Amino acid sequence: MSRTIIARGAALAAATVLALTACGGGSEDAPVEEDRDAGTTEIEEQEPSDVGGAEDDAASDDGGEEDSEDAEDAEGEEEADAGGAAAGEGTVVEIGTELVDEETGDVITIVSAVRNNPTEYYMATDNPDGEMVYLEVAITPGEEYGGVVSQQDFYLDDDGEEVNYASAADEELTAAGYEYFEGAPRRDGEATAYIPIYVETTADTLKGAYVRPELDILGEDATVPEFRGEFEIPAA
């Protein structure tokens, strides 16, 4: 007999409701991403000056060499900038915390986090105390239920309040070279990717949690209790 379960928790009414259906059920739609213009860096190169005379020819040659070196330095800076962007320009910290949801059979691993990422996220404007974190998670789903492990089920402590998925930062994350976690349908098997989460007040060590809400089993007078697993992100 197939079993279908739906989320109950009123505390998650502002988030996307997690619906778990029998294996083989439909997947949820990914949240709408907001477009952002990618910034560019312009580098001004100096033109070699033309000077008459034999002595000035030598000076011109020297100037040409200097200009060539300047051009090479500029090119090197551009490559360095590109490499930094590909790496997200943040600091990777290893975590490796495994959380086991005994009710669903899901294994949630908090693999690592990329801290102190540059961001144009709207809440980061004029806020020197905030931080954009890319949380790397790996999902090994159980076999009893279908549905999706949602990106909105991962939280970080923000000065006493829990905040989750910063949807407007999706394109920043992918532009930095990371794979965006858009939810993990259980029927698709294992999944590993990154979730952007912004905290307005950061700290050396950040506390976090994975919270699967309480679930109703449709057609049965039974519920699946909420699961909560906690982890810590170490200092960069």
Protein backbone atom coordinates (compact mmCIF):
# COMPACT_ATOMS: atom_id res chain seq x y z
CA MET A 1 0.00 0.00 0.00
CA SER A 2 1.41 3.35 -1.01
CA ARG A 3 1.73 6.14 1.56
CA THR A 4 1.51 9.85 0.98
CA ILE A 5 2.61 12.41 3.55
CA ILE A 6 2.29 16.22 3.67
CA ALA A 7 3.90 18.88 5.83
CA ARG A 8 1.96 20.31 8.81
CA GLY A 9 4.25 22.80 10.60
CA ALA A 10 2.71 26.29 10.74
CA ALA A 11 6.14 27.64 11.57
CA LEU A 12 7.17 26.94 7.97
CA ALA A 13 4.12 28.66 6.41
CA ALA A 14 6.37 31.37 4.95
CA ALA A 15 8.61 28.72 3.34
CA THR A 16 7.70 26.33 0.55
CA VAL A 17 5.61 23.51 2.06
CA LEU A 18 7.46 20.21 1.82
CA ALA A 19 5.21 17.54 0.36
CA LEU A 20 6.39 13.94 0.55
CA THR A 21 4.45 11.60 -1.73
CA ALA A 22 4.77 7.89 -2.36
CA CYS A 23 7.92 6.95 -4.29
CA GLY A 24 7.51 7.82 -7.94
CA GLY A 25 5.45 10.95 -7.13
CA GLY A 26 5.91 14.29 -8.87
CA SER A 27 8.75 16.66 -7.97
CA GLU A 28 8.31 20.23 -6.73
CA ASP A 29 9.06 23.29 -8.82
CA ALA A 30 12.36 25.02 -8.13
CA PRO A 31 12.05 28.61 -6.81
CA VAL A 32 12.18 31.45 -9.26
CA GLU A 33 15.63 32.97 -9.59
CA GLU A 34 16.20 36.69 -9.85
CA ASP A 35 18.45 37.97 -12.65
CA ARG A 36 21.54 39.99 -11.73
CA ASP A 37 24.02 41.75 -14.04
CA ALA A 38 27.55 40.40 -13.78
CA GLY A 39 30.15 43.10 -13.06
CA THR A 40 33.15 43.68 -15.31
CA THR A 41 36.63 45.02 -14.60
CA GLU A 42 38.29 47.45 -16.99
CA ILE A 43 42.08 47.80 -17.12
CA GLU A 44 43.63 50.84 -18.79
CA GLU A 45 46.89 50.14 -20.63
CA GLN A 46 49.46 52.88 -21.31
CA GLU A 47 50.43 53.67 -24.91
CA PRO A 48 54.19 53.84 -25.67
CA SER A 49 55.36 57.39 -26.47
CA ASP A 50 57.13 58.22 -29.80
CA VAL A 51 60.41 60.19 -29.43
CA GLY A 52 62.87 61.16 -32.25
CA GLY A 53 66.66 60.53 -32.32
CA ALA A 54 68.92 57.54 -31.80
CA GLU A 55 69.04 58.01 -28.05
CA ASP A 56 65.30 58.27 -27.91
CA ASP A 57 64.97 55.09 -30.00
CA ALA A 58 66.65 53.19 -27.18
CA ALA A 59 64.37 54.88 -24.67
CA SER A 60 61.41 53.96 -26.87
CA ASP A 61 62.59 50.35 -26.91
CA ASP A 62 62.82 50.42 -23.11
CA GLY A 63 59.37 51.97 -22.96
CA GLY A 64 58.06 49.26 -25.27
CA GLU A 65 59.45 46.60 -22.97
CA GLU A 66 57.88 48.33 -19.98
CA ASP A 67 54.56 48.57 -21.78
CA SER A 68 54.82 44.90 -22.67
CA GLU A 69 55.47 44.07 -19.03
CA ASP A 70 52.55 46.28 -18.01
CA ALA A 71 50.31 44.46 -20.47
CA GLU A 72 51.47 41.10 -19.15
CA ASP A 73 50.88 42.26 -15.57
CA ALA A 74 47.40 43.47 -16.50
CA GLU A 75 46.65 40.16 -18.21
CA GLY A 76 47.91 38.32 -15.15
CA GLU A 77 45.66 40.42 -12.92
CA GLU A 78 42.67 39.62 -15.14
CA GLU A 79 43.46 35.90 -14.97
CA ALA A 80 43.87 36.11 -11.20
CA ASP A 81 40.51 37.88 -10.92
CA ALA A 82 38.88 35.20 -13.07
CA GLY A 83 40.43 32.47 -10.97
CA GLY A 84 39.20 34.15 -7.79
CA ALA A 85 35.68 34.40 -9.16
CA ALA A 86 35.75 30.73 -10.15
CA ALA A 87 36.68 29.86 -6.60
CA GLY A 88 33.97 32.11 -5.21
CA GLU A 89 36.56 34.34 -3.54
CA GLY A 90 35.41 32.86 -0.24
CA THR A 91 37.07 30.57 2.26
CA VAL A 92 36.21 26.86 2.30
CA VAL A 93 35.80 25.20 5.70
CA GLU A 94 35.23 21.47 6.11
CA ILE A 95 32.31 20.21 8.25
CA GLY A 96 31.44 16.56 7.54
CA THR A 97 28.42 16.29 9.88
CA GLU A 98 26.04 13.41 9.05
CA LEU A 99 22.36 13.66 10.08
CA VAL A 100 20.11 10.57 9.86
CA ASP A 101 16.33 11.01 9.65
CA GLU A 102 15.15 7.69 11.07
CA GLU A 103 11.52 8.28 10.03
CA THR A 104 12.18 8.77 6.32
CA GLY A 105 15.53 7.00 6.05
CA ASP A 106 17.19 10.13 4.60
CA VAL A 107 20.87 10.73 5.33
CA ILE A 108 21.74 14.43 5.21
CA THR A 109 25.46 15.28 5.20
CA ILE A 110 26.66 18.83 5.75
CA VAL A 111 29.84 18.51 3.73
CA SER A 112 31.43 21.97 3.93
CA ALA A 113 30.76 25.69 3.71
CA VAL A 114 32.25 28.54 1.69
CA ARG A 115 32.43 31.57 3.98
CA ASN A 116 32.82 35.31 3.39
CA ASN A 117 31.62 35.31 -0.21
CA PRO A 118 31.39 38.66 -2.02
CA THR A 119 27.72 39.44 -2.66
CA GLU A 120 25.27 41.95 -4.07
CA TYR A 121 22.40 40.38 -2.11
CA TYR A 122 19.95 43.15 -1.19
CA MET A 123 20.19 42.52 2.57
CA ALA A 124 23.98 42.97 2.41
CA THR A 125 23.72 46.62 1.32
CA ASP A 126 25.52 48.86 3.85
CA ASN A 127 25.79 45.98 6.31
CA PRO A 128 29.39 45.27 7.40
CA ASP A 129 28.23 42.69 9.96
CA GLY A 130 26.63 40.25 7.51
CA GLU A 131 28.01 37.25 5.62
CA MET A 132 27.01 35.23 2.56
CA VAL A 133 27.57 31.53 3.14
CA TYR A 134 27.44 28.76 0.55
CA LEU A 135 26.44 25.58 2.38
CA GLU A 136 27.44 22.30 0.68
CA VAL A 137 24.99 19.47 1.39
CA ALA A 138 24.81 15.85 0.23
CA ILE A 139 21.53 13.91 0.27
CA THR A 140 21.18 10.13 0.33
CA PRO A 141 17.39 9.59 0.29
CA GLY A 142 15.52 6.81 2.02
CA GLU A 143 13.40 4.33 0.09
CA GLU A 144 10.03 4.49 1.88
CA TYR A 145 8.81 7.88 0.69
CA GLY A 146 8.97 10.07 -2.39
CA GLY A 147 8.93 13.87 -2.45
CA VAL A 148 11.79 16.34 -2.22
CA VAL A 149 14.40 17.38 0.32
CA SER A 150 14.06 21.16 0.05
CA GLN A 151 16.75 23.83 0.07
CA GLN A 152 14.50 25.75 2.47
CA ASP A 153 14.96 23.09 5.16
CA PHE A 154 18.52 24.25 5.94
CA TYR A 155 18.99 27.07 8.47
CA LEU A 156 21.74 29.16 10.01
CA ASP A 157 21.54 31.04 13.30
CA ASP A 158 21.42 34.81 12.74
CA ASP A 159 21.85 36.48 16.14
CA GLY A 160 19.20 34.29 17.74
CA GLU A 161 16.93 33.86 14.71
CA GLU A 162 17.08 31.10 12.11
CA VAL A 163 17.37 32.12 8.46
CA ASN A 164 17.41 29.93 5.37
CA TYR A 165 17.81 29.92 1.59
CA ALA A 166 18.66 33.30 -0.01
CA SER A 167 16.95 32.70 -3.35
CA ALA A 168 18.13 35.96 -4.95
CA ALA A 169 21.75 34.79 -4.65
CA ASP A 170 21.41 31.75 -6.92
CA GLU A 171 23.14 33.38 -9.89
CA GLU A 172 25.98 34.71 -7.72
CA LEU A 173 26.61 31.18 -6.51
CA THR A 174 26.68 29.63 -9.98
CA ALA A 175 28.78 32.52 -11.36
CA ALA A 176 31.32 31.75 -8.63
CA GLY A 177 31.65 28.21 -9.99
CA TYR A 178 29.40 26.26 -7.58
CA GLU A 179 26.45 24.00 -8.37
CA TYR A 180 23.16 25.32 -7.00
CA PHE A 181 21.05 22.94 -4.87
CA GLU A 182 17.50 23.22 -6.21
CA GLY A 183 15.99 20.49 -4.07
CA ALA A 184 16.65 16.76 -4.14
CA PRO A 185 13.79 14.54 -5.41
CA ARG A 186 14.10 11.22 -3.58
CA ARG A 187 13.26 9.28 -6.73
CA ASP A 188 16.41 10.72 -8.39
CA GLY A 189 18.75 9.24 -5.79
CA GLU A 190 21.78 10.98 -4.29
CA ALA A 191 22.46 14.69 -4.80
CA THR A 192 25.22 17.10 -3.75
CA ALA A 193 25.24 20.88 -4.25
CA TYR A 194 25.37 24.30 -2.54
CA ILE A 195 22.75 26.51 -0.87
CA PRO A 196 23.27 30.29 -0.44
CA ILE A 197 22.30 31.54 3.02
CA TYR A 198 22.81 35.12 4.20
CA VAL A 199 23.16 36.07 7.87
CA GLU A 200 22.84 39.74 8.83
CA THR A 201 24.99 39.25 11.93
CA THR A 202 27.80 36.77 11.50
CA ALA A 203 30.09 35.13 14.07
CA ASP A 204 33.36 33.17 14.15
CA THR A 205 31.40 29.92 14.50
CA LEU A 206 27.94 29.64 12.97
CA LYS A 207 25.31 27.21 14.23
CA GLY A 208 23.00 25.55 11.75
CA ALA A 209 20.18 23.03 11.50
CA TYR A 210 18.38 20.80 9.01
CA VAL A 211 14.66 20.73 9.86
CA ARG A 212 12.16 18.42 8.17
CA PRO A 213 8.68 19.49 9.34
CA GLU A 214 6.05 17.23 10.93
CA LEU A 215 4.11 15.32 8.29
CA ASP A 216 0.59 13.98 7.89
CA ILE A 217 0.08 10.65 6.16
CA LEU A 218 -2.89 11.09 3.85
CA GLY A 219 -5.60 8.48 4.25
CA GLU A 220 -4.23 7.39 7.63
CA ASP A 221 -4.76 8.71 11.12
CA ALA A 222 -1.02 9.07 11.66
CA THR A 223 1.76 11.63 11.49
CA VAL A 224 5.50 11.57 11.00
CA PRO A 225 7.13 13.66 13.73
CA GLU A 226 9.42 16.57 12.88
CA PHE A 227 13.12 15.81 12.47
CA ARG A 228 15.79 18.28 13.48
CA GLY A 229 19.53 17.78 13.15
CA GLU A 230 22.10 20.41 14.14
CA PHE A 231 25.62 21.23 12.96
CA GLU A 232 28.28 23.93 13.28
CA ILE A 233 30.27 25.85 10.68
CA PRO A 234 33.80 26.47 12.00
CA ALA A 235 35.63 29.78 11.74
CA ALA A 236 37.34 30.55 8.45
